[in-house]
Amino acid sequence: MEIKNESFATQALAKKMLKEKAKEKELVYEQKNALDFLEKFCKLGLKEAEELAEELRTALPRLNEKHIAMLADFMPATDDEVKLLFSNEVITLAPDDRTKILAVLKKHT
């Protein structure tokens, strides 16, 4: 199998997409479980997630879409939580970068 394209979506976008698909036809078991999970645990609405993503792109342009989706989904509240999210990533965040991230996230909690 060859991957031709890869994109990352926030939980808010995935929730919206599943709801739209549910209107068109019945969801399969895995999709129902995913939607149920998102209904319970998705912290932001789609508009809020898009605004947050834009603010993160502006504050730290070197973050890619995967990092932005990860931050929007988990909404870390402390420096240690941000470090933990990025512990397996190639990117290294300086303390002031993590402070910028936390400042942006705090506006949306």
Protein backbone atom coordinates (compact mmCIF):
# COMPACT_ATOMS: atom_id res chain seq x y z
CA MET A 1 0.00 0.00 0.00
CA GLU A 2 1.29 3.42 -0.90
CA ILE A 3 0.32 6.58 0.93
CA LYS A 4 -0.29 9.31 -1.61
CA ASN A 5 -1.49 12.08 0.66
CA GLU A 6 -1.58 12.70 4.36
CA SER A 7 -3.41 15.43 6.22
CA PHE A 8 -4.19 16.08 9.83
CA ALA A 9 -7.54 17.10 11.23
CA THR A 10 -8.58 18.33 14.63
CA GLN A 11 -11.13 16.39 16.62
CA ALA A 12 -13.60 19.20 15.95
CA LEU A 13 -13.25 18.75 12.18
CA ALA A 14 -13.50 14.96 12.45
CA LYS A 15 -16.67 15.35 14.53
CA LYS A 16 -18.20 17.66 11.92
CA MET A 17 -17.30 15.29 9.09
CA LEU A 18 -18.78 12.27 10.88
CA LYS A 19 -22.00 14.16 11.67
CA GLU A 20 -22.36 15.14 8.01
CA LYS A 21 -21.71 11.56 6.90
CA ALA A 22 -24.32 10.32 9.42
CA LYS A 23 -26.93 12.52 7.74
CA GLU A 24 -26.16 10.93 4.36
CA LYS A 25 -26.09 7.28 5.44
CA GLU A 26 -25.80 5.10 8.49
CA LEU A 27 -22.34 5.03 10.04
CA VAL A 28 -20.47 1.75 10.40
CA TYR A 29 -19.51 0.48 13.86
CA GLU A 30 -16.09 2.17 14.02
CA GLN A 31 -17.48 5.49 12.82
CA LYS A 32 -20.25 5.36 15.43
CA ASN A 33 -17.68 4.71 18.15
CA ALA A 34 -15.48 7.54 16.91
CA LEU A 35 -18.42 9.96 16.83
CA ASP A 36 -19.51 8.87 20.31
CA PHE A 37 -15.98 9.48 21.60
CA LEU A 38 -15.80 12.89 19.94
CA GLU A 39 -19.23 13.89 21.31
CA LYS A 40 -17.98 13.14 24.82
CA PHE A 41 -14.40 14.39 24.71
CA CYS A 42 -13.98 17.00 21.97
CA LYS A 43 -13.14 20.19 23.85
CA LEU A 44 -13.54 22.80 21.09
CA GLY A 45 -16.10 23.60 18.45
CA LEU A 46 -15.00 23.75 14.82
CA LYS A 47 -14.86 27.56 14.70
CA GLU A 48 -12.87 27.72 17.95
CA ALA A 49 -10.45 25.05 16.70
CA GLU A 50 -9.91 26.94 13.44
CA GLU A 51 -9.27 30.20 15.32
CA LEU A 52 -6.86 28.44 17.67
CA ALA A 53 -5.02 26.86 14.74
CA GLU A 54 -4.63 30.25 13.05
CA GLU A 55 -3.31 31.84 16.24
CA LEU A 56 -0.82 29.00 16.71
CA ARG A 57 0.36 29.35 13.10
CA THR A 58 0.91 33.07 13.67
CA ALA A 59 2.62 32.67 17.05
CA LEU A 60 4.92 29.83 15.93
CA PRO A 61 5.11 29.51 12.14
CA ARG A 62 7.40 26.47 12.35
CA LEU A 63 4.63 24.30 13.81
CA ASN A 64 3.17 21.99 11.18
CA GLU A 65 -0.45 20.86 10.85
CA LYS A 66 0.19 17.72 12.89
CA HIS A 67 1.51 19.77 15.83
CA ILE A 68 -1.36 22.24 15.62
CA ALA A 69 -3.99 19.47 15.54
CA MET A 70 -2.28 17.74 18.46
CA LEU A 71 -2.31 20.94 20.54
CA ALA A 72 -5.94 21.72 19.66
CA ASP A 73 -7.05 18.18 20.55
CA PHE A 74 -5.23 17.82 23.86
CA MET A 75 -5.23 21.47 25.01
CA PRO A 76 -2.25 21.11 27.38
CA ALA A 77 -2.42 23.46 30.38
CA THR A 78 1.14 23.26 31.69
CA ASP A 79 4.67 23.45 30.36
CA ASP A 80 5.23 19.80 31.28
CA GLU A 81 2.17 18.73 29.28
CA VAL A 82 3.45 20.61 26.22
CA LYS A 83 6.87 18.98 26.63
CA LEU A 84 5.21 15.58 26.89
CA LEU A 85 3.21 16.10 23.69
CA PHE A 86 6.37 17.01 21.79
CA SER A 87 8.64 14.40 23.40
CA ASN A 88 8.54 12.10 20.36
CA GLU A 89 8.58 14.83 17.75
CA VAL A 90 11.53 15.99 15.68
CA ILE A 91 10.89 19.63 16.58
CA THR A 92 12.44 21.00 19.78
CA LEU A 93 10.61 23.80 21.54
CA ALA A 94 12.47 26.40 23.56
CA PRO A 95 10.91 27.48 26.88
CA ASP A 96 9.68 30.75 25.37
CA ASP A 97 8.05 28.81 22.50
CA ARG A 98 6.18 26.68 25.01
CA THR A 99 5.16 29.85 26.86
CA LYS A 100 3.74 31.28 23.61
CA ILE A 101 1.81 28.07 23.00
CA LEU A 102 0.36 28.09 26.51
CA ALA A 103 -0.65 31.75 26.18
CA VAL A 104 -2.56 31.02 22.96
CA LEU A 105 -4.18 27.91 24.45
CA LYS A 106 -5.21 29.75 27.59
CA LYS A 107 -7.27 32.20 25.51
CA HIS A 108 -9.36 29.27 24.26
CA THR A 109 -10.09 27.48 27.53
